[in-house]
Amino acid sequence: MNTTEIKSGTFEAAKVLTDELRQVEREMLGVETRLKSLREKHAKIRSSLEPLSGLLNENQLAEIGYRSIADSSKARVLDARMTDGTRRVIEKLRSQLDKIWKVEELQNFIEDSGLEVSDRYASNTLRKLHNQGLLIKVGRGLYRANDQLLAIEGLEESDYE
């Protein structure tokens, strides 16, 4: 095989990968545009619903599954910036909602799953989830899932091992 054939093969491979990359970028732009549109629609619906909620009693609100803006702000949407480790911690917490978790247990779980993380990773992640109202701190280094942890959208079982 001569160098011209090698260069030609390299060029073809690079061309194919570049074309694929451009296609993925176009698809990502479409998704971002769709997400922006959905967020705008969500805001319009929310602003239309909020005044109506003041006209309903608590039983009616519960029956339709209404969440106030303050309550729904606790229902976090997981996004691409959330680390795999955080997703794994959340899913582990969701797997046993009544369990009281030790920081060390979750740190070992993350490390055993093959992720290379700092020795404070679980502690920092749990503190952040607690600050967001998704966990209840029951003691030093001890946490329990809050019901709000179930309200997190965008995390499928397939996102977790």
N, C-alpha and C. Protein backbone atom coordinates (compact mmCIF):
# COMPACT_ATOMS: atom_id res chain seq x y z
N MET A 1 0.86 -1.17 0.00
CA MET A 1 0.00 0.00 0.00
C MET A 1 0.90 1.23 0.00
N ASN A 2 0.67 2.13 -0.91
CA ASN A 2 1.51 3.32 -0.96
C ASN A 2 0.90 4.47 -0.14
N THR A 3 1.68 5.52 0.06
CA THR A 3 1.25 6.63 0.92
C THR A 3 0.05 7.37 0.33
N THR A 4 -0.11 7.35 -0.97
CA THR A 4 -1.26 8.01 -1.59
C THR A 4 -2.54 7.29 -1.20
N GLU A 5 -2.50 5.94 -1.19
CA GLU A 5 -3.68 5.16 -0.78
C GLU A 5 -3.99 5.39 0.69
N ILE A 6 -2.94 5.46 1.54
CA ILE A 6 -3.16 5.69 2.97
C ILE A 6 -3.77 7.08 3.17
N LYS A 7 -3.21 8.09 2.51
CA LYS A 7 -3.75 9.44 2.64
C LYS A 7 -5.18 9.48 2.14
N SER A 8 -5.46 8.78 1.04
CA SER A 8 -6.80 8.76 0.47
C SER A 8 -7.79 8.12 1.45
N GLY A 9 -7.36 7.01 2.07
CA GLY A 9 -8.22 6.34 3.07
C GLY A 9 -8.46 7.23 4.28
N THR A 10 -7.43 7.91 4.72
CA THR A 10 -7.55 8.83 5.85
C THR A 10 -8.48 9.97 5.49
N PHE A 11 -8.29 10.49 4.29
CA PHE A 11 -9.14 11.58 3.83
C PHE A 11 -10.61 11.15 3.79
N GLU A 12 -10.88 9.96 3.25
CA GLU A 12 -12.25 9.46 3.15
C GLU A 12 -12.87 9.28 4.54
N ALA A 13 -12.08 8.71 5.45
CA ALA A 13 -12.58 8.51 6.82
C ALA A 13 -12.89 9.85 7.47
N ALA A 14 -11.99 10.81 7.30
CA ALA A 14 -12.20 12.15 7.88
C ALA A 14 -13.42 12.81 7.25
N LYS A 15 -13.61 12.61 5.96
CA LYS A 15 -14.75 13.20 5.26
C LYS A 15 -16.07 12.62 5.79
N VAL A 16 -16.11 11.31 5.94
CA VAL A 16 -17.31 10.65 6.46
C VAL A 16 -17.62 11.14 7.87
N LEU A 17 -16.61 11.19 8.72
CA LEU A 17 -16.82 11.63 10.11
C LEU A 17 -17.23 13.10 10.17
N THR A 18 -16.66 13.93 9.30
CA THR A 18 -17.04 15.34 9.26
C THR A 18 -18.50 15.49 8.83
N ASP A 19 -18.91 14.73 7.84
CA ASP A 19 -20.31 14.76 7.40
C ASP A 19 -21.24 14.34 8.54
N GLU A 20 -20.86 13.27 9.25
CA GLU A 20 -21.67 12.81 10.38
C GLU A 20 -21.74 13.87 11.46
N LEU A 21 -20.61 14.50 11.74
CA LEU A 21 -20.56 15.55 12.76
C LEU A 21 -21.50 16.70 12.39
N ARG A 22 -21.50 17.12 11.15
CA ARG A 22 -22.38 18.20 10.70
C ARG A 22 -23.85 17.80 10.84
N GLN A 23 -24.16 16.54 10.53
CA GLN A 23 -25.53 16.06 10.67
C GLN A 23 -25.97 16.10 12.13
N VAL A 24 -25.11 15.64 13.02
CA VAL A 24 -25.42 15.66 14.45
C VAL A 24 -25.61 17.09 14.93
N GLU A 25 -24.76 18.00 14.48
CA GLU A 25 -24.89 19.41 14.87
C GLU A 25 -26.21 19.98 14.40
N ARG A 26 -26.65 19.63 13.18
CA ARG A 26 -27.96 20.10 12.69
C ARG A 26 -29.09 19.55 13.54
N GLU A 27 -28.99 18.27 13.91
CA GLU A 27 -30.01 17.66 14.76
C GLU A 27 -30.04 18.32 16.13
N MET A 28 -28.86 18.61 16.70
CA MET A 28 -28.79 19.27 18.00
C MET A 28 -29.44 20.65 17.95
N LEU A 29 -29.20 21.37 16.87
CA LEU A 29 -29.80 22.68 16.72
C LEU A 29 -31.32 22.56 16.68
N GLY A 30 -31.81 21.52 15.99
CA GLY A 30 -33.25 21.29 15.93
C GLY A 30 -33.83 20.99 17.31
N VAL A 31 -33.11 20.19 18.09
CA VAL A 31 -33.56 19.86 19.44
C VAL A 31 -33.56 21.11 20.32
N GLU A 32 -32.52 21.92 20.21
CA GLU A 32 -32.45 23.15 21.00
C GLU A 32 -33.59 24.10 20.63
N THR A 33 -33.89 24.18 19.35
CA THR A 33 -35.00 25.03 18.90
C THR A 33 -36.32 24.50 19.45
N ARG A 34 -36.50 23.19 19.40
CA ARG A 34 -37.74 22.57 19.92
C ARG A 34 -37.84 22.79 21.42
N LEU A 35 -36.74 22.64 22.14
CA LEU A 35 -36.75 22.85 23.59
C LEU A 35 -37.13 24.29 23.93
N LYS A 36 -36.58 25.24 23.20
CA LYS A 36 -36.92 26.65 23.43
C LYS A 36 -38.41 26.87 23.21
N SER A 37 -38.94 26.28 22.15
CA SER A 37 -40.36 26.41 21.86
C SER A 37 -41.21 25.80 22.98
N LEU A 38 -40.80 24.64 23.46
CA LEU A 38 -41.54 23.98 24.54
C LEU A 38 -41.48 24.79 25.83
N ARG A 39 -40.34 25.40 26.12
CA ARG A 39 -40.23 26.24 27.32
C ARG A 39 -41.16 27.45 27.22
N GLU A 40 -41.23 28.05 26.04
CA GLU A 40 -42.13 29.19 25.85
C GLU A 40 -43.59 28.76 26.02
N LYS A 41 -43.93 27.62 25.45
CA LYS A 41 -45.30 27.10 25.58
C LYS A 41 -45.61 26.80 27.05
N HIS A 42 -44.65 26.20 27.76
CA HIS A 42 -44.82 25.89 29.18
C HIS A 42 -45.10 27.16 29.97
N ALA A 43 -44.33 28.21 29.71
CA ALA A 43 -44.50 29.48 30.42
C ALA A 43 -45.88 30.09 30.15
N LYS A 44 -46.35 30.01 28.90
CA LYS A 44 -47.67 30.55 28.56
C LYS A 44 -48.78 29.79 29.26
N ILE A 45 -48.67 28.46 29.25
CA ILE A 45 -49.69 27.64 29.92
C ILE A 45 -49.66 27.92 31.41
N ARG A 46 -48.46 27.97 31.99
CA ARG A 46 -48.32 28.22 33.42
C ARG A 46 -48.94 29.57 33.79
N SER A 47 -48.69 30.61 32.98
CA SER A 47 -49.23 31.93 33.30
C SER A 47 -50.75 31.97 33.14
N SER A 48 -51.30 31.15 32.27
CA SER A 48 -52.76 31.06 32.12
C SER A 48 -53.38 30.29 33.26
N LEU A 49 -52.68 29.28 33.76
CA LEU A 49 -53.21 28.42 34.81
C LEU A 49 -53.13 29.05 36.20
N GLU A 50 -52.10 29.82 36.44
CA GLU A 50 -51.87 30.36 37.78
C GLU A 50 -53.07 31.16 38.32
N PRO A 51 -53.67 32.09 37.55
CA PRO A 51 -54.82 32.81 38.10
C PRO A 51 -56.04 31.92 38.35
N LEU A 52 -56.20 30.88 37.52
CA LEU A 52 -57.33 29.97 37.72
C LEU A 52 -57.20 29.19 39.02
N SER A 53 -55.97 28.90 39.41
CA SER A 53 -55.75 28.11 40.63
C SER A 53 -56.29 28.83 41.86
N GLY A 54 -56.30 30.16 41.84
CA GLY A 54 -56.81 30.92 42.97
C GLY A 54 -58.32 30.79 43.14
N LEU A 55 -58.99 30.30 42.11
CA LEU A 55 -60.44 30.14 42.16
C LEU A 55 -60.88 28.75 42.58
N LEU A 56 -59.92 27.84 42.74
CA LEU A 56 -60.24 26.45 43.11
C LEU A 56 -59.87 26.20 44.56
N ASN A 57 -60.62 25.25 45.20
CA ASN A 57 -60.26 24.89 46.57
C ASN A 57 -59.17 23.82 46.57
N GLU A 58 -58.66 23.51 47.76
CA GLU A 58 -57.52 22.58 47.85
C GLU A 58 -57.85 21.20 47.28
N ASN A 59 -59.07 20.70 47.51
CA ASN A 59 -59.45 19.39 46.98
C ASN A 59 -59.45 19.39 45.46
N GLN A 60 -59.96 20.46 44.88
CA GLN A 60 -59.98 20.55 43.41
C GLN A 60 -58.57 20.62 42.85
N LEU A 61 -57.72 21.40 43.51
CA LEU A 61 -56.33 21.51 43.07
C LEU A 61 -55.62 20.16 43.16
N ALA A 62 -55.87 19.43 44.25
CA ALA A 62 -55.26 18.10 44.41
C ALA A 62 -55.78 17.14 43.34
N GLU A 63 -57.07 17.24 43.04
CA GLU A 63 -57.68 16.34 42.06
C GLU A 63 -57.08 16.51 40.66
N ILE A 64 -56.78 17.74 40.29
CA ILE A 64 -56.20 17.96 38.96
C ILE A 64 -54.67 17.87 38.98
N GLY A 65 -54.09 17.63 40.16
CA GLY A 65 -52.64 17.49 40.25
C GLY A 65 -51.90 18.79 40.06
N TYR A 66 -52.51 19.87 40.48
CA TYR A 66 -51.92 21.19 40.30
C TYR A 66 -50.75 21.40 41.25
N ARG A 67 -49.68 21.98 40.72
CA ARG A 67 -48.52 22.40 41.53
C ARG A 67 -48.33 23.88 41.31
N SER A 68 -48.21 24.61 42.41
CA SER A 68 -47.96 26.04 42.28
C SER A 68 -46.58 26.26 41.67
N ILE A 69 -46.32 27.48 41.26
CA ILE A 69 -45.00 27.79 40.70
C ILE A 69 -43.91 27.48 41.72
N ALA A 70 -44.18 27.81 42.98
CA ALA A 70 -43.19 27.54 44.03
C ALA A 70 -42.94 26.04 44.16
N ASP A 71 -44.03 25.24 44.15
CA ASP A 71 -43.88 23.79 44.26
C ASP A 71 -43.20 23.20 43.04
N SER A 72 -43.59 23.67 41.86
CA SER A 72 -43.04 23.07 40.65
C SER A 72 -41.58 23.45 40.44
N SER A 73 -41.13 24.51 41.10
CA SER A 73 -39.71 24.86 40.96
C SER A 73 -38.84 23.81 41.64
N LYS A 74 -39.43 23.03 42.55
CA LYS A 74 -38.67 21.97 43.20
C LYS A 74 -38.53 20.76 42.30
N ALA A 75 -39.40 20.64 41.31
CA ALA A 75 -39.33 19.52 40.37
C ALA A 75 -38.28 19.86 39.32
N ARG A 76 -37.10 19.41 39.53
CA ARG A 76 -35.99 19.75 38.66
C ARG A 76 -36.00 18.91 37.40
N VAL A 77 -35.59 19.50 36.33
CA VAL A 77 -35.42 18.78 35.08
C VAL A 77 -33.93 18.52 34.92
N LEU A 78 -33.59 17.25 34.79
CA LEU A 78 -32.20 16.92 34.60
C LEU A 78 -31.79 17.28 33.19
N ASP A 79 -30.62 17.86 33.05
CA ASP A 79 -30.18 18.25 31.72
C ASP A 79 -28.82 17.66 31.41
N ALA A 80 -28.34 17.95 30.24
CA ALA A 80 -27.09 17.36 29.76
C ALA A 80 -25.90 17.76 30.62
N ARG A 81 -26.01 18.87 31.35
CA ARG A 81 -24.88 19.29 32.18
C ARG A 81 -24.76 18.48 33.45
N MET A 82 -25.81 17.75 33.83
CA MET A 82 -25.75 16.94 35.04
C MET A 82 -24.80 15.78 34.81
N THR A 83 -23.93 15.56 35.75
CA THR A 83 -22.93 14.52 35.57
C THR A 83 -23.55 13.14 35.72
N ASP A 84 -22.88 12.17 35.15
CA ASP A 84 -23.33 10.79 35.25
C ASP A 84 -23.35 10.35 36.71
N GLY A 85 -22.38 10.83 37.48
CA GLY A 85 -22.33 10.48 38.90
C GLY A 85 -23.55 10.99 39.65
N THR A 86 -23.97 12.22 39.37
CA THR A 86 -25.15 12.78 40.02
C THR A 86 -26.39 12.00 39.63
N ARG A 87 -26.50 11.66 38.35
CA ARG A 87 -27.63 10.83 37.92
C ARG A 87 -27.66 9.51 38.68
N ARG A 88 -26.50 8.91 38.83
CA ARG A 88 -26.44 7.62 39.53
C ARG A 88 -26.82 7.76 41.00
N VAL A 89 -26.36 8.83 41.63
CA VAL A 89 -26.72 9.06 43.03
C VAL A 89 -28.24 9.23 43.16
N ILE A 90 -28.83 10.03 42.29
CA ILE A 90 -30.28 10.25 42.34
C ILE A 90 -31.03 8.95 42.15
N GLU A 91 -30.65 8.16 41.17
CA GLU A 91 -31.33 6.89 40.93
C GLU A 91 -31.17 5.94 42.10
N LYS A 92 -29.99 5.91 42.70
CA LYS A 92 -29.78 5.06 43.87
C LYS A 92 -30.70 5.50 45.01
N LEU A 93 -30.79 6.80 45.24
CA LEU A 93 -31.68 7.32 46.28
C LEU A 93 -33.14 6.98 45.97
N ARG A 94 -33.51 7.10 44.71
CA ARG A 94 -34.89 6.81 44.30
C ARG A 94 -35.23 5.33 44.41
N SER A 95 -34.21 4.47 44.36
CA SER A 95 -34.46 3.03 44.40
C SER A 95 -34.94 2.57 45.77
N GLN A 96 -34.62 3.32 46.82
CA GLN A 96 -35.02 2.97 48.18
C GLN A 96 -35.36 4.26 48.92
N LEU A 97 -36.56 4.76 48.69
CA LEU A 97 -36.94 6.07 49.21
C LEU A 97 -36.96 6.15 50.74
N ASP A 98 -37.26 5.06 51.41
CA ASP A 98 -37.36 5.10 52.87
C ASP A 98 -36.02 4.91 53.58
N LYS A 99 -35.02 4.54 52.85
CA LYS A 99 -33.72 4.26 53.45
C LYS A 99 -33.00 5.55 53.85
N ILE A 100 -32.30 5.48 54.96
CA ILE A 100 -31.42 6.57 55.36
C ILE A 100 -30.04 6.20 54.86
N TRP A 101 -29.49 7.09 54.04
CA TRP A 101 -28.23 6.82 53.36
C TRP A 101 -27.07 7.50 54.05
N LYS A 102 -25.97 6.78 54.17
CA LYS A 102 -24.73 7.36 54.66
C LYS A 102 -23.95 7.86 53.45
N VAL A 103 -23.25 8.97 53.64
CA VAL A 103 -22.42 9.52 52.57
C VAL A 103 -21.45 8.46 52.07
N GLU A 104 -20.86 7.70 52.99
CA GLU A 104 -19.87 6.70 52.61
C GLU A 104 -20.46 5.63 51.70
N GLU A 105 -21.72 5.24 51.97
CA GLU A 105 -22.38 4.23 51.12
C GLU A 105 -22.47 4.70 49.67
N LEU A 106 -22.89 5.94 49.51
CA LEU A 106 -23.05 6.47 48.16
C LEU A 106 -21.70 6.74 47.50
N GLN A 107 -20.72 7.16 48.28
CA GLN A 107 -19.38 7.35 47.73
C GLN A 107 -18.85 6.01 47.22
N ASN A 108 -19.01 4.95 48.01
CA ASN A 108 -18.55 3.62 47.60
C ASN A 108 -19.32 3.14 46.37
N PHE A 109 -20.62 3.40 46.34
CA PHE A 109 -21.44 3.02 45.19
C PHE A 109 -20.92 3.68 43.91
N ILE A 110 -20.64 4.98 43.97
CA ILE A 110 -20.15 5.71 42.80
C ILE A 110 -18.79 5.16 42.37
N GLU A 111 -17.90 4.97 43.33
CA GLU A 111 -16.57 4.47 42.99
C GLU A 111 -16.64 3.05 42.42
N ASP A 112 -17.51 2.20 43.01
CA ASP A 112 -17.67 0.83 42.53
C ASP A 112 -18.28 0.77 41.14
N SER A 113 -18.99 1.81 40.76
CA SER A 113 -19.61 1.82 39.43
C SER A 113 -18.59 2.16 38.34
N GLY A 114 -17.36 2.46 38.76
CA GLY A 114 -16.30 2.69 37.79
C GLY A 114 -16.00 4.15 37.49
N LEU A 115 -16.73 5.07 38.12
CA LEU A 115 -16.44 6.48 37.89
C LEU A 115 -15.28 6.92 38.78
N GLU A 116 -14.39 7.70 38.21
CA GLU A 116 -13.30 8.26 38.98
C GLU A 116 -13.74 9.62 39.51
N VAL A 117 -13.95 9.69 40.81
CA VAL A 117 -14.44 10.93 41.43
C VAL A 117 -13.59 11.26 42.65
N SER A 118 -13.72 12.50 43.09
CA SER A 118 -12.97 12.92 44.29
C SER A 118 -13.55 12.22 45.52
N ASP A 119 -12.80 12.22 46.59
CA ASP A 119 -13.26 11.57 47.81
C ASP A 119 -14.39 12.34 48.50
N ARG A 120 -14.71 13.54 48.03
CA ARG A 120 -15.80 14.36 48.58
C ARG A 120 -16.99 14.42 47.62
N TYR A 121 -16.94 13.63 46.55
CA TYR A 121 -17.96 13.72 45.51
C TYR A 121 -19.38 13.49 46.07
N ALA A 122 -19.58 12.38 46.75
CA ALA A 122 -20.92 12.06 47.27
C ALA A 122 -21.36 13.11 48.27
N SER A 123 -20.47 13.52 49.14
CA SER A 123 -20.80 14.53 50.15
C SER A 123 -21.26 15.83 49.49
N ASN A 124 -20.51 16.29 48.50
CA ASN A 124 -20.86 17.53 47.80
C ASN A 124 -22.18 17.39 47.04
N THR A 125 -22.37 16.26 46.38
CA THR A 125 -23.59 16.03 45.62
C THR A 125 -24.81 15.99 46.54
N LEU A 126 -24.69 15.28 47.66
CA LEU A 126 -25.80 15.20 48.61
C LEU A 126 -26.12 16.57 49.21
N ARG A 127 -25.09 17.35 49.50
CA ARG A 127 -25.32 18.69 50.05
C ARG A 127 -26.09 19.54 49.04
N LYS A 128 -25.68 19.47 47.77
CA LYS A 128 -26.37 20.25 46.74
C LYS A 128 -27.82 19.80 46.58
N LEU A 129 -28.07 18.50 46.58
CA LEU A 129 -29.45 17.99 46.46
C LEU A 129 -30.27 18.40 47.69
N HIS A 130 -29.65 18.42 48.86
CA HIS A 130 -30.32 18.86 50.07
C HIS A 130 -30.68 20.34 49.97
N ASN A 131 -29.75 21.15 49.47
CA ASN A 131 -30.00 22.59 49.32
C ASN A 131 -31.12 22.87 48.32
N GLN A 132 -31.32 21.96 47.36
CA GLN A 132 -32.40 22.11 46.38
C GLN A 132 -33.73 21.58 46.91
N GLY A 133 -33.73 21.05 48.14
CA GLY A 133 -34.96 20.54 48.73
C GLY A 133 -35.32 19.14 48.31
N LEU A 134 -34.37 18.41 47.73
CA LEU A 134 -34.66 17.06 47.24
C LEU A 134 -34.31 15.98 48.26
N LEU A 135 -33.54 16.34 49.27
CA LEU A 135 -33.15 15.40 50.32
C LEU A 135 -33.42 16.02 51.68
N ILE A 136 -33.62 15.15 52.65
CA ILE A 136 -33.76 15.58 54.03
C ILE A 136 -32.52 15.12 54.77
N LYS A 137 -31.86 16.04 55.43
CA LYS A 137 -30.68 15.68 56.23
C LYS A 137 -31.18 15.23 57.59
N VAL A 138 -30.89 13.99 57.95
CA VAL A 138 -31.40 13.46 59.21
C VAL A 138 -30.31 13.36 60.27
N GLY A 139 -29.10 13.69 59.92
CA GLY A 139 -27.99 13.66 60.85
C GLY A 139 -26.70 13.96 60.10
N ARG A 140 -25.62 13.96 60.83
CA ARG A 140 -24.33 14.23 60.20
C ARG A 140 -23.99 13.12 59.21
N GLY A 141 -23.92 13.47 57.93
CA GLY A 141 -23.60 12.49 56.90
C GLY A 141 -24.71 11.52 56.58
N LEU A 142 -25.94 11.83 57.03
CA LEU A 142 -27.09 10.94 56.82
C LEU A 142 -28.20 11.69 56.10
N TYR A 143 -28.69 11.09 55.03
CA TYR A 143 -29.72 11.73 54.21
C TYR A 143 -30.82 10.73 53.87
N ARG A 144 -32.01 11.28 53.67
CA ARG A 144 -33.16 10.50 53.20
C ARG A 144 -33.80 11.27 52.06
N ALA A 145 -34.30 10.53 51.08
CA ALA A 145 -34.93 11.16 49.92
C ALA A 145 -36.22 11.86 50.33
N ASN A 146 -36.42 13.05 49.80
CA ASN A 146 -37.66 13.79 49.95
C ASN A 146 -38.59 13.33 48.83
N ASP A 147 -39.90 13.42 49.03
CA ASP A 147 -40.84 13.04 47.97
C ASP A 147 -40.58 13.83 46.69
N GLN A 148 -40.02 15.03 46.80
CA GLN A 148 -39.73 15.84 45.62
C GLN A 148 -38.73 15.16 44.69
N LEU A 149 -37.93 14.25 45.23
CA LEU A 149 -36.96 13.54 44.40
C LEU A 149 -37.67 12.74 43.31
N LEU A 150 -38.88 12.31 43.59
CA LEU A 150 -39.65 11.57 42.59
C LEU A 150 -40.17 12.47 41.49
N ALA A 151 -40.24 13.76 41.76
CA ALA A 151 -40.79 14.70 40.78
C ALA A 151 -39.77 15.12 39.74
N ILE A 152 -38.54 14.64 39.87
CA ILE A 152 -37.53 15.01 38.88
C ILE A 152 -37.91 14.39 37.55
N GLU A 153 -37.95 15.22 36.54
CA GLU A 153 -38.31 14.77 35.21
C GLU A 153 -37.04 14.54 34.39
N GLY A 154 -37.18 13.77 33.36
CA GLY A 154 -36.10 13.63 32.40
C GLY A 154 -35.11 12.53 32.70
N LEU A 155 -35.37 11.73 33.73
CA LEU A 155 -34.47 10.65 34.05
C LEU A 155 -35.21 9.34 33.90
N GLU A 156 -34.83 8.59 32.94
CA GLU A 156 -35.44 7.30 32.68
C GLU A 156 -34.58 6.22 33.31
N GLU A 157 -35.15 5.03 33.52
CA GLU A 157 -34.36 3.94 34.05
C GLU A 157 -33.21 3.60 33.13
N SER A 158 -33.39 3.82 31.85
CA SER A 158 -32.33 3.52 30.90
C SER A 158 -31.14 4.46 31.06
N ASP A 159 -31.31 5.59 31.78
CA ASP A 159 -30.20 6.50 32.04
C ASP A 159 -29.29 5.95 33.12
N TYR A 160 -29.76 4.92 33.78
CA TYR A 160 -29.03 4.35 34.90
C TYR A 160 -28.76 2.89 34.60
N GLU A 161 -27.69 2.37 35.14
CA GLU A 161 -27.29 0.99 34.86
C GLU A 161 -28.40 -0.01 35.11
